[in-house]
Structures are given as C-alpha cells and as structure tokens.
C-alpha cells in the first residue's frame, strides 16, 4: 500500500476527525454564536490531536445536522474560513469532508489545498433525509477541471446512516468503482456510527480490489479494538473515542489521543 504510507509517512495511519462546531445557517447555529469561537475550538482540537500523535486529520462539518445534499454556499465558505485560519498550525496531511455533498467537498478541497477528500461520491442512497443520487461522472470531471490530479479520494462504500439502493455485494461495488472511477480508498462502516465494522466484510473488499486500493475502517475504532481493526484495514478513521469521556459532542482530550496512539505505535512495531 505504497501511496497511503507515503502520504501519511507511516504504515497503518490513524486519521482523526476534526469536527467543526455548527456553522452559520445550520439549525444548531444561534445568533449569539461566533465564527471566532468556531475557529478557536477547531484550533484547540487540532493542536490536541497533533500533540496526541495522529497521522492525519479530516475536517468535517459534523454538527451541520441534518446534512444537506446540496449545500448552501455559506457552509463550505465557513469551512474554508476555519481551515484558512488554522492552516498554519496543521502539521499532518489533511482532508476535508463536506458531509453529504460530494461536489462541495471537491471544490472545498481545491480552495484549501487539501491532500484528500472523504465523501459519498457515488451510488443512490435512501435514509432519514430522503433519497439522493450521486453523479460521480460529473464529480470526477469537476475534479479534473480544477486540476486536482493529486487529490486522493476516500469513497464511502457503505455510509452508516443510509442504505444503498444498489443491491450488489459490497466487494462487487468496490471492484466496479475501482475500475470506473479509480477510487483511491474505500471507507467501510458499520450500520451506525461508533459500531464495530465486520472484519470479514473489510477482508472481502480487500480481496476484491488491487493492492494499491486502501481499505479504511471508518467506525468503531476504540482503544480496545484498534489493533484488531488494523490487522485487516490499511488505515482507520477515528472520531468520538478521542473526545472527552468518549462523548460525541465534546472536544478532543489529548490524553485519550496519546493513550490510543501508544497502542497503535506498539502494534506497528510488529509489522
């Protein structure tokens, strides 16, 4: 898995989620809120994640619930402002996830010089927000038009909050997407955020695609499960477990990050 090791400068990288507070226009945003506070919280979480030793970060509008399939312009604009203000402090490879809007994700990446993107770029899904259809032919042409030749794309293969209307087995979908879209990585999730990903499912996707396609464990990565996950996955995305008391709505606890990464570093010595 040469490319992912080169991008993150380590084997089996841990990619941490940097969850932004609610942004202007979001239902949870209040008139008394301030973008200065959003930036300050993002910077504090970034510094804690990096001090804890993570290998990369994904900046996401996690608290823009419920997510928009076609974002208002203010959301990626606010995300770009936050990233622009904290970028001088970013010391690890970083990506962006403009949640549920693949086009906004790619255009945001162009604006902030992101190294990679994570998102739902293909497939037809149904969930609480209704159904949505992702035209990856349009997205990839936009990526090419923006000159993002080196931008790595992490595809959600099975988003945890929605159901794919494509009834093919996930390994078959992965193989097809690798051929048609050249997907760099597939993020494998459980049926809900925080739940354990089936190791056999990850292994089946791993066997279906070529060795240069990364398989990423996207949910359920905790200090007591991460070694097992990394035995199958090429990388892991970690969010809630890095927060104070493992609380999704809290901010990052640097001691939890360090303890987690100590376990990962010990495991890497066996590789």
Protein backbone atom coordinates (compact mmCIF):
# COMPACT_ATOMS: atom_id res chain seq x y z
CA UNK A 1 0.00 0.00 0.00
CA UNK A 2 2.67 2.43 -1.14
CA UNK A 3 0.63 5.58 -1.72
CA UNK A 4 -1.12 5.73 1.65
CA UNK A 5 2.12 5.05 3.51
CA UNK A 6 3.83 7.80 1.52
CA UNK A 7 1.02 10.29 2.10
CA UNK A 8 0.91 9.80 5.88
CA UNK A 9 4.59 8.83 6.33
CA UNK A 10 3.70 5.73 8.34
CA UNK A 11 2.16 2.28 7.97
CA UNK A 12 -1.45 1.83 9.12
CA UNK A 13 -2.15 5.57 9.60
CA UNK A 14 -4.69 6.87 12.09
CA UNK A 15 -6.74 9.68 10.56
CA UNK A 16 -8.54 11.76 13.17
CA UNK A 17 -11.80 13.60 12.66
CA UNK A 18 -11.71 17.34 13.35
CA UNK A 19 -15.39 18.09 13.93
CA UNK A 20 -16.32 21.72 13.44
CA UNK A 21 -19.00 23.35 15.57
CA UNK A 22 -22.32 24.27 13.99
CA UNK A 23 -21.80 26.83 11.22
CA UNK A 24 -23.86 29.82 10.07
CA UNK A 25 -27.11 28.61 8.55
CA UNK A 26 -27.10 25.31 10.45
CA UNK A 27 -30.13 24.58 12.65
CA UNK A 28 -27.88 24.46 15.74
CA UNK A 29 -26.31 27.86 14.98
CA UNK A 30 -27.57 30.70 17.18
CA UNK A 31 -27.36 34.44 16.57
CA UNK A 32 -25.18 34.74 19.63
CA UNK A 33 -22.64 32.28 18.16
CA UNK A 34 -19.42 33.50 16.59
CA UNK A 35 -17.15 32.21 13.83
CA UNK A 36 -14.24 33.30 16.02
CA UNK A 37 -15.36 30.72 18.58
CA UNK A 38 -15.68 28.05 15.87
CA UNK A 39 -12.12 28.79 14.78
CA UNK A 40 -10.81 28.77 18.36
CA UNK A 41 -12.42 25.38 19.09
CA UNK A 42 -11.11 23.94 15.82
CA UNK A 43 -7.58 25.13 16.57
CA UNK A 44 -7.67 23.69 20.09
CA UNK A 45 -8.87 20.31 18.82
CA UNK A 46 -6.29 20.32 16.02
CA UNK A 47 -3.43 21.00 18.43
CA UNK A 48 -4.65 18.31 20.83
CA UNK A 49 -4.90 15.72 18.03
CA UNK A 50 -1.43 16.55 16.75
CA UNK A 51 0.10 16.57 20.22
CA UNK A 52 -1.51 13.18 20.76
CA UNK A 53 0.29 11.85 17.71
CA UNK A 54 -2.33 11.24 15.00
CA UNK A 55 -1.10 10.78 11.43
CA UNK A 56 -3.69 12.87 9.60
CA UNK A 57 -6.95 14.75 10.04
CA UNK A 58 -10.26 15.16 8.24
CA UNK A 59 -12.04 18.47 8.75
CA UNK A 60 -15.80 17.95 8.64
CA UNK A 61 -18.96 19.98 9.28
CA UNK A 62 -20.09 17.30 11.73
CA UNK A 63 -22.60 19.49 13.55
CA UNK A 64 -24.40 20.75 10.45
CA UNK A 65 -27.15 18.23 11.24
CA UNK A 66 -29.33 17.44 9.38
CA UNK A 67 -26.94 17.37 6.43
CA UNK A 68 -27.75 18.95 3.07
CA UNK A 69 -27.39 17.00 -0.17
CA UNK A 70 -26.79 20.31 -1.96
CA UNK A 71 -25.14 22.66 0.48
CA UNK A 72 -25.94 26.31 0.89
CA UNK A 73 -22.89 28.31 -0.18
CA UNK A 74 -22.34 29.54 3.37
CA UNK A 75 -21.34 26.08 4.65
CA UNK A 76 -18.24 25.39 2.51
CA UNK A 77 -17.41 29.09 2.77
CA UNK A 78 -17.42 28.85 6.57
CA UNK A 79 -15.38 25.63 6.44
CA UNK A 80 -12.84 27.32 4.17
CA UNK A 81 -12.57 30.26 6.58
CA UNK A 82 -11.87 27.93 9.52
CA UNK A 83 -9.29 25.92 7.61
CA UNK A 84 -7.64 29.08 6.31
CA UNK A 85 -7.26 30.46 9.83
CA UNK A 86 -5.83 27.25 11.34
CA UNK A 87 -3.83 26.05 8.36
CA UNK A 88 -0.55 27.46 9.63
CA UNK A 89 -0.92 25.10 12.60
CA UNK A 90 -1.60 21.96 10.53
CA UNK A 91 1.47 19.71 10.59
CA UNK A 92 -0.02 16.47 9.23
CA UNK A 93 -1.71 15.59 5.92
CA UNK A 94 -5.31 16.77 5.98
CA UNK A 95 -8.51 16.12 4.13
CA UNK A 96 -12.00 17.57 4.05
CA UNK A 97 -15.49 16.10 4.20
CA UNK A 98 -18.33 18.46 3.29
CA UNK A 99 -20.83 15.93 4.54
CA UNK A 100 -23.35 14.57 2.01
CA UNK A 101 -22.34 16.95 -0.79
CA UNK A 102 -19.58 15.43 -2.90
CA UNK A 103 -19.29 18.41 -5.26
CA UNK A 104 -18.90 20.86 -2.38
CA UNK A 105 -16.28 18.55 -0.90
CA UNK A 106 -14.17 18.59 -4.07
CA UNK A 107 -14.48 22.34 -4.56
CA UNK A 108 -13.60 22.97 -0.90
CA UNK A 109 -10.52 20.78 -1.32
CA UNK A 110 -9.42 22.94 -4.24
CA UNK A 111 -9.85 26.12 -2.21
CA UNK A 112 -7.83 24.95 0.79
CA UNK A 113 -5.22 22.69 -0.89
CA UNK A 114 -6.40 19.55 0.88
CA UNK A 115 -4.44 16.35 0.41
CA UNK A 116 -7.52 14.13 0.23
CA UNK A 117 -11.30 14.09 0.48
CA UNK A 118 -13.75 11.69 2.10
CA UNK A 119 -17.35 11.52 0.99
CA UNK A 120 -20.28 9.79 -0.66
CA UNK A 121 -19.32 10.33 -4.28
CA UNK A 122 -21.34 7.61 -5.99
CA UNK A 123 -24.43 5.44 -5.64
CA UNK A 124 -28.10 6.04 -4.87
CA UNK A 125 -29.00 6.07 -1.18
CA UNK A 126 -32.07 6.42 0.96
CA UNK A 127 -32.24 7.49 4.61
CA UNK A 128 -33.73 9.99 7.03
CA UNK A 129 -33.05 12.80 4.56
CA UNK A 130 -34.87 11.09 1.71
CA UNK A 131 -33.05 9.70 -1.28
CA UNK A 132 -30.06 11.11 -3.11
CA UNK A 133 -28.25 10.24 -6.31
CA UNK A 134 -24.53 10.91 -6.69
CA UNK A 135 -23.31 11.50 -10.25
CA UNK A 136 -19.65 10.56 -9.99
CA UNK A 137 -19.15 11.20 -13.70
CA UNK A 138 -19.86 14.89 -13.03
CA UNK A 139 -17.81 14.98 -9.82
CA UNK A 140 -14.72 13.47 -11.43
CA UNK A 141 -14.94 15.84 -14.39
CA UNK A 142 -15.11 18.76 -11.97
CA UNK A 143 -12.09 17.38 -10.13
CA UNK A 144 -10.19 17.21 -13.42
CA UNK A 145 -11.28 20.72 -14.42
CA UNK A 146 -9.97 22.07 -11.11
CA UNK A 147 -6.59 20.46 -11.74
CA UNK A 148 -6.78 18.22 -8.67
CA UNK A 149 -4.65 15.48 -10.18
CA UNK A 150 -3.00 14.56 -6.89
CA UNK A 151 -6.11 14.74 -4.71
CA UNK A 152 -6.75 11.33 -3.13
CA UNK A 153 -10.39 10.27 -2.85
CA UNK A 154 -11.73 8.19 0.02
CA UNK A 155 -15.12 6.81 -1.02
CA UNK A 156 -17.78 5.83 1.49
CA UNK A 157 -18.62 2.33 0.34
CA UNK A 158 -21.50 1.92 2.83
CA UNK A 159 -22.38 5.16 4.68
CA UNK A 160 -23.56 4.22 8.16
CA UNK A 161 -26.67 6.41 8.16
CA UNK A 162 -28.12 5.48 4.77
CA UNK A 163 -28.97 2.40 2.71
CA UNK A 164 -27.59 1.89 -0.77
CA UNK A 165 -30.25 1.01 -3.34
CA UNK A 166 -27.58 -0.86 -5.31
CA UNK A 167 -28.13 -4.42 -4.08
CA UNK A 168 -24.82 -5.82 -5.33
CA UNK A 169 -22.42 -7.16 -2.71
CA UNK A 170 -20.00 -4.51 -1.42
CA UNK A 171 -16.91 -6.26 -2.83
CA UNK A 172 -18.53 -6.18 -6.29
CA UNK A 173 -19.34 -2.47 -5.95
CA UNK A 174 -15.79 -1.75 -4.81
CA UNK A 175 -14.28 -3.64 -7.74
CA UNK A 176 -16.51 -1.78 -10.18
CA UNK A 177 -15.73 1.63 -8.67
CA UNK A 178 -12.03 0.99 -8.73
CA UNK A 179 -12.26 0.19 -12.43
CA UNK A 180 -14.60 3.04 -13.42
CA UNK A 181 -13.55 5.82 -11.07
CA UNK A 182 -10.07 4.87 -9.88
CA UNK A 183 -11.13 5.24 -6.25
CA UNK A 184 -8.04 5.53 -4.04
CA UNK A 185 -9.62 4.22 -0.84
CA UNK A 186 -12.85 2.69 0.41
CA UNK A 187 -14.20 3.59 3.85
CA UNK A 188 -16.06 0.66 5.38
CA UNK A 189 -18.64 1.43 8.07
CA UNK A 190 -20.95 -0.44 10.40
CA UNK A 191 -24.71 0.14 10.40
CA UNK A 192 -24.34 3.11 12.77
CA UNK A 193 -21.61 5.49 13.87
CA UNK A 194 -19.47 4.02 16.64
CA UNK A 195 -20.42 0.40 15.93
CA UNK A 196 -17.82 -2.20 15.03
CA UNK A 197 -17.07 -2.85 11.38
CA UNK A 198 -17.24 -6.50 10.40
CA UNK A 199 -13.66 -7.70 9.84
CA UNK A 200 -14.82 -10.28 7.30
CA UNK A 201 -16.51 -7.52 5.29
CA UNK A 202 -13.32 -5.47 5.21
CA UNK A 203 -11.34 -8.54 4.21
CA UNK A 204 -13.76 -9.36 1.39
CA UNK A 205 -13.38 -5.84 -0.02
CA UNK A 206 -9.62 -6.08 0.39
CA UNK A 207 -9.57 -9.28 -1.69
CA UNK A 208 -11.82 -7.79 -4.38
CA UNK A 209 -9.60 -4.83 -5.24
CA UNK A 210 -5.96 -4.44 -6.24
CA UNK A 211 -3.23 -3.91 -3.61
CA UNK A 212 -2.97 -0.17 -4.34
CA UNK A 213 -6.55 0.44 -3.20
CA UNK A 214 -6.73 1.24 0.50
CA UNK A 215 -9.39 -0.28 2.74
CA UNK A 216 -10.17 2.03 5.67
CA UNK A 217 -12.03 1.13 8.87
CA UNK A 218 -14.46 4.01 9.24
CA UNK A 219 -16.36 3.30 12.50
CA UNK A 220 -15.96 1.53 15.83
CA UNK A 221 -12.26 2.24 16.31
CA UNK A 222 -11.58 2.34 20.04
CA UNK A 223 -8.50 1.71 22.14
CA UNK A 224 -9.64 -1.88 22.80
CA UNK A 225 -10.49 -2.63 19.14
CA UNK A 226 -7.98 -0.73 17.04
CA UNK A 227 -5.33 -3.46 16.81
CA UNK A 228 -7.91 -5.95 15.58
CA UNK A 229 -9.17 -3.44 13.01
CA UNK A 230 -5.69 -2.65 11.72
CA UNK A 231 -4.94 -6.33 11.20
CA UNK A 232 -7.37 -6.13 8.28
CA UNK A 233 -7.59 -2.43 7.38
CA UNK A 234 -4.87 -0.30 5.79
CA UNK A 235 -5.87 2.72 7.87
CA UNK A 236 -8.52 3.86 10.33
CA UNK A 237 -10.65 6.97 10.77
CA UNK A 238 -11.17 7.85 14.43
CA UNK A 239 -13.52 10.45 15.89
CA UNK A 240 -15.62 10.11 19.02
CA UNK A 241 -13.19 7.99 21.05
CA UNK A 242 -10.71 10.89 21.03
CA UNK A 243 -13.16 13.20 22.79
CA UNK A 244 -13.64 13.89 26.48
CA UNK A 245 -15.23 10.79 28.05
CA UNK A 246 -15.87 9.47 24.55
CA UNK A 247 -18.71 11.98 24.17
CA UNK A 248 -19.52 12.80 20.54
CA UNK A 249 -20.45 16.40 21.37
CA UNK A 250 -17.38 17.11 23.49
CA UNK A 251 -13.96 18.37 22.40
CA UNK A 252 -10.72 16.43 22.00
CA UNK A 253 -8.98 15.02 25.08
CA UNK A 254 -5.25 14.91 24.35
CA UNK A 255 -4.65 12.20 26.96
CA UNK A 256 -7.15 9.88 25.27
CA UNK A 257 -5.42 10.51 21.95
CA UNK A 258 -1.97 9.73 23.39
CA UNK A 259 -3.16 6.52 25.05
CA UNK A 260 -4.78 5.36 21.81
CA UNK A 261 -1.75 6.20 19.69
CA UNK A 262 0.59 4.42 22.15
CA UNK A 263 -1.34 1.21 21.43
CA UNK A 264 -1.09 1.82 17.68
CA UNK A 265 2.66 2.51 17.86
CA UNK A 266 3.26 -0.71 19.76
CA UNK A 267 1.30 -2.62 17.15
CA UNK A 268 3.32 -1.05 14.31
CA UNK A 269 6.50 -2.48 15.83
CA UNK A 270 5.19 -5.94 14.90
CA UNK A 271 4.73 -5.10 11.20
